[in-house]
Amino acid sequence: MKRLMTIILAACFIAGGHLNANADEIHAKEVYIIIGSGDFSGVYFPTGLAIAKMINERRSEYHVRATVESTPGSVFHLNAILAGYMDFGMTQADKQYHAVNGLSEWAKKGPQKELRSVFSIYHEALTLLAAVDADIQTIADLKGKRVSLGNPGSNQHRMVVEALDPNRDILAQTAIANEDPELLQDNRIDAYFFTVGHPNELVRKTLSVGRKARIVPISGPAIDKLVADNQFYTKMSIQAKRLYNDLAGPLDEVPTFGVMATLCTSSGVP
C-alpha cells in the first residue's frame, strides 16, 4: 500500500504541476470534480480518497476541489465519464480497451474515442481463494466444487469464464465480493474468485478466520494463451507470504493474471 500511495502521489504532483501552471488562465473560481471510486470493499475507494485528499490539500494552488463517490465500478465510471456526470473514475484496463474499441458493453454504441487515461495505478490480480478441506490446489481441481464466480454482469465474471475450460464441470454460484468470505466460512461454497489489488482486507479475513483457506495459483498453458491473445491482460504474481506474513499457509508467490487499474477521464475535461 505504501508503494501504491507513492505512485499516486508522484502522478498527482506531475498532473498537478500542469494544472497549477494554467490555473490563472482557466480557473476564475474553484472547480469541483467528482472521482468515481468503486464500492467500499475494494482498493478503488481508498485510492480515490487518497487522490482527492492530495488535490484538496493544495486547492488554493490548483483551484480544484475533489469529491469521491462510491459506485458499482469500472463500467459505471466509464459511462458516467462519457455522459459528463463524472470527471474522473478508476477502471480496469480491459474495460477501457473495450469501450475505446466499441466492444463488449459498447458494441452497439461503437468506439468511445473521447476516453483518456491519466495514469496507471496498480495491478488487479484475479485471485482464487479456496477452503483447504476442499483439496483445491489448482484451477483444474475446481471440477465438481461449489465456486462463486462473481456477479454475472461483472468484468470479473467474464475473466473467470475465460480462464476456465468451458467444459469444466463446476457448480457455479454468484455473489458479490463481500459476501463470499462468509459463504466460504459457512461451507456454502468451496472457493471464490476475487479481482483485487493486494493486500486486501476481505482476502485477509478469508485466510485468517474459521475454516482454513489458501490462495490457489491460476496458471498453465490455457492461461498463457489467454494473456498472449489479449493485450490488456498481464501475468503477475501475488506476493502472499510478504503481504499476509502473519498468516499461516500462503505460498511465497502465487502466479495468476489480471489487469491494470487506471484513472480515466475524457477529452472534455481540461
Protein backbone atom coordinates (compact mmCIF):
# COMPACT_ATOMS: atom_id res chain seq x y z
CA MET A 1 0.00 0.00 0.00
CA LYS A 2 2.90 2.38 0.69
CA ARG A 3 4.21 1.78 -2.82
CA LEU A 4 0.73 2.41 -4.24
CA MET A 5 0.41 5.71 -2.39
CA THR A 6 3.87 6.76 -3.58
CA ILE A 7 2.89 6.13 -7.21
CA ILE A 8 -0.35 8.05 -6.79
CA LEU A 9 1.41 10.94 -5.06
CA ALA A 10 4.03 11.24 -7.80
CA ALA A 11 1.43 11.06 -10.57
CA CYS A 12 -0.81 13.63 -8.92
CA PHE A 13 2.06 16.06 -8.45
CA ILE A 14 3.02 15.67 -12.12
CA ALA A 15 -0.56 16.31 -13.19
CA GLY A 16 -0.93 18.99 -10.54
CA GLY A 17 2.08 20.92 -11.82
CA HIS A 18 0.45 21.20 -15.23
CA LEU A 19 -2.89 22.18 -13.76
CA ASN A 20 -1.30 24.77 -11.49
CA ALA A 21 0.60 26.30 -14.42
CA ASN A 22 -2.68 27.02 -16.19
CA ALA A 23 -4.81 27.79 -13.15
CA ASP A 24 -4.77 31.57 -13.53
CA GLU A 25 -5.81 31.27 -17.16
CA ILE A 26 -8.61 28.70 -16.98
CA HIS A 27 -9.89 28.88 -13.38
CA ALA A 28 -11.50 32.13 -12.41
CA LYS A 29 -13.10 30.32 -9.49
CA GLU A 30 -12.80 26.96 -7.78
CA VAL A 31 -13.79 23.99 -9.91
CA TYR A 32 -15.47 20.92 -8.39
CA ILE A 33 -14.64 17.48 -9.76
CA ILE A 34 -16.09 14.04 -9.00
CA ILE A 35 -13.91 10.92 -8.85
CA GLY A 36 -15.67 7.57 -9.21
CA SER A 37 -14.12 5.16 -6.75
CA GLY A 38 -15.97 1.83 -6.68
CA ASP A 39 -17.50 0.23 -3.60
CA PHE A 40 -16.11 0.12 -0.08
CA SER A 41 -14.83 -3.48 -0.25
CA GLY A 42 -12.08 -2.92 -2.83
CA VAL A 43 -8.98 -0.78 -3.27
CA TYR A 44 -10.61 1.77 -5.60
CA PHE A 45 -12.34 3.65 -2.80
CA PRO A 46 -9.33 4.33 -0.54
CA THR A 47 -7.29 5.12 -3.65
CA GLY A 48 -9.88 7.71 -4.71
CA LEU A 49 -9.84 9.18 -1.21
CA ALA A 50 -6.04 9.47 -1.32
CA ILE A 51 -6.09 11.26 -4.69
CA ALA A 52 -8.85 13.63 -3.57
CA LYS A 53 -7.03 14.38 -0.30
CA MET A 54 -3.84 15.38 -2.10
CA ILE A 55 -5.73 17.58 -4.54
CA ASN A 56 -7.78 19.26 -1.82
CA GLU A 57 -4.75 19.95 0.34
CA ARG A 58 -3.44 22.16 -2.48
CA ARG A 59 -6.70 23.52 -3.82
CA SER A 60 -5.53 27.10 -3.25
CA GLU A 61 -2.94 26.40 -5.95
CA TYR A 62 -4.98 24.16 -8.23
CA HIS A 63 -8.34 25.93 -7.80
CA VAL A 64 -9.85 22.44 -7.88
CA ARG A 65 -11.83 20.67 -5.18
CA ALA A 66 -12.32 16.91 -5.48
CA THR A 67 -15.07 14.73 -4.09
CA VAL A 68 -15.21 10.92 -4.12
CA GLU A 69 -18.30 8.87 -4.97
CA SER A 70 -18.82 5.20 -4.14
CA THR A 71 -20.10 3.40 -7.25
CA PRO A 72 -20.65 -0.05 -8.83
CA GLY A 73 -17.22 0.15 -10.50
CA SER A 74 -15.44 0.22 -13.86
CA VAL A 75 -18.27 0.15 -16.42
CA PHE A 76 -20.30 2.64 -14.42
CA HIS A 77 -17.32 5.01 -14.27
CA LEU A 78 -16.68 4.88 -18.00
CA ASN A 79 -20.32 5.51 -18.88
CA ALA A 80 -20.59 8.28 -16.29
CA ILE A 81 -17.46 9.97 -17.66
CA LEU A 82 -18.80 9.75 -21.22
CA ALA A 83 -22.14 11.19 -20.07
CA GLY A 84 -20.41 14.08 -18.30
CA TYR A 85 -21.66 13.04 -14.87
CA MET A 86 -18.16 12.29 -13.57
CA ASP A 87 -14.83 13.91 -14.38
CA PHE A 88 -12.57 11.03 -13.37
CA GLY A 89 -13.01 7.38 -12.48
CA MET A 90 -10.96 4.29 -11.82
CA THR A 91 -11.38 1.39 -14.20
CA GLN A 92 -9.80 -1.86 -15.27
CA ALA A 93 -7.66 -1.67 -18.39
CA ASP A 94 -9.66 -4.27 -20.30
CA LYS A 95 -12.90 -2.36 -19.76
CA GLN A 96 -11.31 0.81 -21.09
CA TYR A 97 -9.95 -1.13 -24.07
CA HIS A 98 -13.42 -2.48 -24.82
CA ALA A 99 -15.00 0.98 -24.58
CA VAL A 100 -12.41 2.71 -26.77
CA ASN A 101 -12.74 -0.03 -29.41
CA GLY A 102 -16.54 -0.39 -29.24
CA LEU A 103 -16.54 -3.94 -27.89
CA SER A 104 -18.49 -5.82 -25.21
CA GLU A 105 -20.92 -3.42 -23.48
CA TRP A 106 -20.19 -0.75 -26.10
CA ALA A 107 -20.72 -2.91 -29.19
CA LYS A 108 -23.96 -1.10 -30.11
CA LYS A 109 -22.68 2.38 -29.27
CA GLY A 110 -19.43 1.93 -31.16
CA PRO A 111 -15.90 3.15 -30.26
CA GLN A 112 -15.77 5.65 -27.40
CA LYS A 113 -12.82 7.69 -28.62
CA GLU A 114 -13.34 10.50 -26.10
CA LEU A 115 -11.94 8.41 -23.25
CA ARG A 116 -8.47 9.20 -21.94
CA SER A 117 -6.08 7.54 -19.48
CA VAL A 118 -4.44 9.76 -16.87
CA PHE A 119 -2.12 7.15 -15.34
CA SER A 120 -1.95 3.52 -14.25
CA ILE A 121 -2.20 2.81 -10.53
CA TYR A 122 -1.70 -0.85 -9.57
CA HIS A 123 -2.24 -4.45 -10.67
CA GLU A 124 -5.62 -6.07 -10.06
CA ALA A 125 -4.99 -9.79 -9.71
CA LEU A 126 -7.59 -12.44 -10.43
CA THR A 127 -7.46 -14.20 -7.06
CA LEU A 128 -8.78 -17.68 -6.33
CA LEU A 129 -9.39 -18.45 -2.66
CA ALA A 130 -10.33 -21.98 -1.67
CA ALA A 131 -11.05 -23.87 1.52
CA VAL A 132 -8.18 -26.18 2.46
CA ASP A 133 -10.58 -29.03 3.21
CA ALA A 134 -11.91 -28.84 -0.38
CA ASP A 135 -8.48 -30.01 -1.62
CA ILE A 136 -8.21 -27.42 -4.39
CA GLN A 137 -4.56 -26.98 -5.38
CA THR A 138 -5.02 -25.73 -8.98
CA ILE A 139 -7.89 -24.45 -11.13
CA ALA A 140 -8.21 -27.99 -12.53
CA ASP A 141 -9.31 -29.11 -9.05
CA LEU A 142 -12.42 -26.92 -9.23
CA LYS A 143 -14.28 -29.69 -11.07
CA GLY A 144 -17.33 -30.67 -9.07
CA LYS A 145 -16.77 -27.90 -6.50
CA ARG A 146 -19.08 -25.08 -5.45
CA VAL A 147 -17.42 -21.95 -6.81
CA SER A 148 -18.55 -18.32 -6.69
CA LEU A 149 -17.62 -16.62 -9.98
CA GLY A 150 -18.79 -13.14 -9.05
CA ASN A 151 -21.69 -11.09 -10.37
CA PRO A 152 -22.76 -12.35 -13.85
CA GLY A 153 -22.62 -8.80 -15.22
CA SER A 154 -19.22 -8.02 -13.79
CA ASN A 155 -15.88 -7.80 -15.52
CA GLN A 156 -14.52 -10.41 -13.11
CA HIS A 157 -17.15 -12.93 -14.17
CA ARG A 158 -16.00 -12.65 -17.79
CA MET A 159 -12.35 -13.04 -16.76
CA VAL A 160 -13.16 -16.18 -14.78
CA VAL A 161 -15.17 -17.73 -17.62
CA GLU A 162 -12.26 -17.06 -19.99
CA ALA A 163 -9.77 -18.55 -17.54
CA LEU A 164 -11.74 -21.75 -17.02
CA ASP A 165 -12.10 -24.52 -19.55
CA PRO A 166 -15.63 -24.10 -20.98
CA ASN A 167 -16.21 -27.83 -20.42
CA ARG A 168 -15.12 -27.79 -16.79
CA ASP A 169 -17.84 -29.24 -14.59
CA ILE A 170 -18.12 -26.81 -11.69
CA LEU A 171 -21.10 -25.92 -9.52
CA ALA A 172 -21.09 -22.22 -10.36
CA GLN A 173 -22.62 -19.72 -7.97
CA THR A 174 -22.78 -15.94 -7.97
CA ALA A 175 -22.39 -13.47 -5.13
CA ILE A 176 -20.98 -10.01 -4.58
CA ALA A 177 -17.42 -9.87 -3.27
CA ASN A 178 -18.10 -9.00 0.35
CA GLU A 179 -20.49 -11.98 0.72
CA ASP A 180 -18.00 -14.64 -0.43
CA PRO A 181 -15.84 -14.92 2.73
CA GLU A 182 -18.94 -15.63 4.84
CA LEU A 183 -20.26 -18.14 2.30
CA LEU A 184 -16.92 -19.94 2.44
CA GLN A 185 -16.87 -19.97 6.22
CA ASP A 186 -20.44 -21.29 6.35
CA ASN A 187 -19.46 -24.15 3.99
CA ARG A 188 -21.91 -22.96 1.33
CA ILE A 189 -19.13 -22.64 -1.26
CA ASP A 190 -15.71 -24.26 -1.60
CA ALA A 191 -13.93 -21.44 -3.42
CA TYR A 192 -14.41 -18.00 -4.89
CA PHE A 193 -12.75 -15.65 -7.35
CA PHE A 194 -11.95 -12.04 -6.48
CA THR A 195 -10.26 -9.47 -8.74
CA VAL A 196 -8.46 -7.04 -6.46
CA GLY A 197 -5.24 -5.27 -5.55
CA HIS A 198 -3.27 -6.77 -2.68
CA PRO A 199 -3.12 -6.66 0.31
CA ASN A 200 -6.89 -6.69 0.81
CA GLU A 201 -8.94 -7.00 3.97
CA LEU A 202 -11.50 -9.42 2.52
CA VAL A 203 -8.67 -11.73 1.49
CA ARG A 204 -7.08 -11.37 4.91
CA LYS A 205 -10.41 -12.19 6.55
CA THR A 206 -10.78 -15.31 4.41
CA LEU A 207 -7.29 -16.52 5.29
CA SER A 208 -7.46 -15.79 8.99
CA VAL A 209 -10.77 -16.95 10.44
CA GLY A 210 -12.57 -20.24 10.99
CA ARG A 211 -12.45 -22.59 8.03
CA LYS A 212 -8.88 -22.57 6.73
CA ALA A 213 -8.31 -21.27 3.21
CA ARG A 214 -5.50 -20.76 0.72
CA ILE A 215 -4.76 -18.66 -2.38
CA VAL A 216 -4.68 -21.01 -5.37
CA PRO A 217 -2.40 -20.49 -8.43
CA ILE A 218 -4.09 -19.59 -11.72
CA SER A 219 -1.62 -20.75 -14.35
CA GLY A 220 -0.98 -23.20 -17.18
CA PRO A 221 -0.99 -23.30 -21.00
CA ALA A 222 -4.59 -22.06 -21.27
CA ILE A 223 -3.78 -19.00 -19.16
CA ASP A 224 -0.60 -18.38 -21.18
CA LYS A 225 -2.66 -18.33 -24.38
CA LEU A 226 -5.36 -16.12 -22.86
CA VAL A 227 -2.81 -13.49 -21.83
CA ALA A 228 -0.99 -13.71 -25.19
CA ASP A 229 -4.25 -13.19 -27.09
CA ASN A 230 -5.41 -10.17 -25.06
CA GLN A 231 -3.07 -7.22 -24.72
CA PHE A 232 -4.98 -5.81 -21.73
CA TYR A 233 -4.20 -8.88 -19.60
CA THR A 234 -0.92 -9.16 -17.71
CA LYS A 235 0.75 -12.09 -15.97
CA MET A 236 1.53 -11.33 -12.35
CA SER A 237 2.05 -12.97 -9.01
CA ILE A 238 0.54 -12.34 -5.60
CA GLN A 239 3.31 -11.89 -3.01
CA ALA A 240 1.26 -13.82 -0.47
CA LYS A 241 3.93 -14.57 2.12
CA ARG A 242 5.09 -10.94 2.22
CA LEU A 243 1.64 -9.32 2.12
CA TYR A 244 -0.02 -11.74 4.54
CA ASN A 245 3.09 -12.63 6.57
CA ASP A 246 1.25 -13.01 9.87
CA LEU A 247 -0.89 -15.82 8.49
CA ALA A 248 -0.03 -19.48 8.16
CA GLY A 249 -0.14 -21.22 4.84
CA PRO A 250 0.22 -18.70 1.95
CA LEU A 251 2.77 -19.57 -0.72
CA ASP A 252 5.65 -17.16 -1.22
CA GLU A 253 4.39 -16.18 -4.68
CA VAL A 254 1.13 -17.26 -6.27
CA PRO A 255 1.07 -16.98 -10.09
CA THR A 256 -2.03 -15.54 -11.74
CA PHE A 257 -3.01 -12.90 -14.26
CA GLY A 258 -5.03 -9.72 -14.20
CA VAL A 259 -5.34 -6.16 -15.40
CA MET A 260 -4.04 -2.72 -14.52
CA ALA A 261 -6.24 -0.29 -12.64
CA THR A 262 -6.15 3.09 -14.35
CA LEU A 263 -7.50 6.55 -13.68
CA CYS A 264 -9.61 7.71 -16.63
CA THR A 265 -11.16 10.91 -17.86
CA SER A 266 -12.45 12.25 -21.16
CA SER A 267 -11.29 14.70 -23.80
CA GLY A 268 -13.98 17.06 -22.50
CA VAL A 269 -12.09 17.61 -19.23
CA PRO A 270 -9.49 20.45 -19.47
